[in-house]
Amino acid sequence: MYRLFFRWIWEKVVPESIRNSKPVRWVANHRKLTIWVIVTVWINFFPATYEYDIVHYRKYSYWYVDDPWYPYARFLLPLILGAVFLFIPPDPPEKK
């Protein structure tokens, strides 16, 4: 259902000149790689830096810098996500 909604937005709201541009087509064709890069950058470069509290409220970001699991999350989560994406079969071609 959500795919239909996003497809409607893509076709009705985004101008055709943007939809057919090379960078947008590349991102659409390499969706898994794009998601992997976004998650990796988010974990590594945008950790939470607000005042640390034992009870996590996740105010601005998921990972807090002083969290004991943060060094492992920086390396292992992108690695695991990349491995999962390698084993997920590619999307079937769209019927026109």
Protein backbone atom coordinates (compact mmCIF):
# COMPACT_ATOMS: atom_id res chain seq x y z
CA MET A 1 0.00 0.00 0.00
CA TYR A 2 2.77 2.44 0.92
CA ARG A 3 4.49 1.73 -2.42
CA LEU A 4 1.39 2.90 -4.26
CA PHE A 5 1.38 6.11 -2.25
CA PHE A 6 5.05 6.82 -2.96
CA ARG A 7 4.60 5.91 -6.62
CA TRP A 8 1.70 8.38 -6.83
CA ILE A 9 3.85 11.11 -5.26
CA TRP A 10 6.71 10.21 -7.60
CA GLU A 11 4.52 10.43 -10.71
CA LYS A 12 2.25 13.35 -9.80
CA VAL A 13 4.39 15.65 -7.66
CA VAL A 14 7.98 15.26 -8.87
CA PRO A 15 8.53 16.98 -12.24
CA GLU A 16 9.43 14.75 -15.17
CA SER A 17 12.71 16.58 -15.74
CA ILE A 18 13.84 15.54 -12.26
CA ARG A 19 12.46 12.01 -12.58
CA ASN A 20 14.45 11.41 -15.76
CA SER A 21 17.72 12.95 -14.59
CA LYS A 22 20.76 10.68 -14.38
CA PRO A 23 21.41 10.98 -10.61
CA VAL A 24 17.79 10.23 -9.73
CA ARG A 25 17.68 7.22 -12.06
CA TRP A 26 20.94 5.93 -10.57
CA VAL A 27 19.58 6.17 -7.01
CA ALA A 28 16.35 4.47 -8.08
CA ASN A 29 18.28 1.64 -9.71
CA HIS A 30 20.67 1.22 -6.76
CA ARG A 31 18.18 1.49 -3.91
CA LYS A 32 19.94 -0.93 -1.55
CA LEU A 33 23.31 0.75 -1.93
CA THR A 34 21.70 4.13 -1.30
CA ILE A 35 20.01 2.90 1.89
CA TRP A 36 23.28 1.35 3.06
CA VAL A 37 25.20 4.60 2.55
CA ILE A 38 22.52 6.66 4.34
CA VAL A 39 22.44 4.32 7.36
CA THR A 40 26.24 4.18 7.55
CA VAL A 41 26.63 7.95 7.41
CA TRP A 42 23.81 8.42 9.94
CA ILE A 43 25.36 6.05 12.50
CA ASN A 44 28.93 7.26 12.07
CA PHE A 45 28.54 11.00 11.65
CA PHE A 46 25.30 11.95 13.41
CA PRO A 47 25.34 10.41 16.89
CA ALA A 48 23.34 11.96 19.68
CA THR A 49 25.36 14.44 21.73
CA TYR A 50 22.75 15.76 24.15
CA GLU A 51 23.25 15.31 27.89
CA TYR A 52 23.59 11.60 28.58
CA ASP A 53 20.88 9.95 30.62
CA ILE A 54 20.74 6.32 31.72
CA VAL A 55 17.18 6.08 30.43
CA HIS A 56 17.45 6.69 26.70
CA TYR A 57 14.81 8.93 25.24
CA ARG A 58 16.34 8.99 21.74
CA LYS A 59 15.68 12.70 21.43
CA TYR A 60 17.63 13.58 18.32
CA SER A 61 19.37 10.46 17.12
CA TYR A 62 19.38 6.77 17.84
CA TRP A 63 22.98 6.34 19.00
CA TYR A 64 24.50 8.30 21.85
CA VAL A 65 28.26 8.94 21.69
CA ASP A 66 28.99 7.58 25.18
CA ASP A 67 26.78 4.52 24.79
CA PRO A 68 28.91 1.40 25.41
CA TRP A 69 27.50 -0.23 22.25
CA TYR A 70 28.26 2.77 20.02
CA PRO A 71 31.76 1.66 18.87
CA TYR A 72 30.34 -1.71 17.87
CA ALA A 73 27.31 -0.17 16.19
CA ARG A 74 29.51 2.09 14.05
CA PHE A 75 31.17 -0.92 12.46
CA LEU A 76 28.84 -3.90 12.83
CA LEU A 77 25.45 -2.46 11.85
CA PRO A 78 26.58 -1.24 8.40
CA LEU A 79 28.42 -4.54 7.92
CA ILE A 80 25.33 -6.59 8.85
CA LEU A 81 23.05 -4.40 6.73
CA GLY A 82 25.40 -4.77 3.75
CA ALA A 83 25.47 -8.56 4.20
CA VAL A 84 21.67 -8.70 4.40
CA PHE A 85 21.37 -6.62 1.23
CA LEU A 86 23.75 -8.99 -0.58
CA PHE A 87 21.44 -11.92 0.10
CA ILE A 88 18.15 -10.17 -0.73
CA PRO A 89 17.28 -10.91 -4.35
CA PRO A 90 17.00 -7.89 -6.67
CA ASP A 91 13.62 -6.35 -7.37
CA PRO A 92 11.88 -7.85 -10.40
CA PRO A 93 11.69 -5.59 -13.45
CA GLU A 94 8.58 -3.45 -13.61
CA LYS A 95 5.90 -4.35 -16.13
CA LYS A 96 4.95 -1.58 -18.51
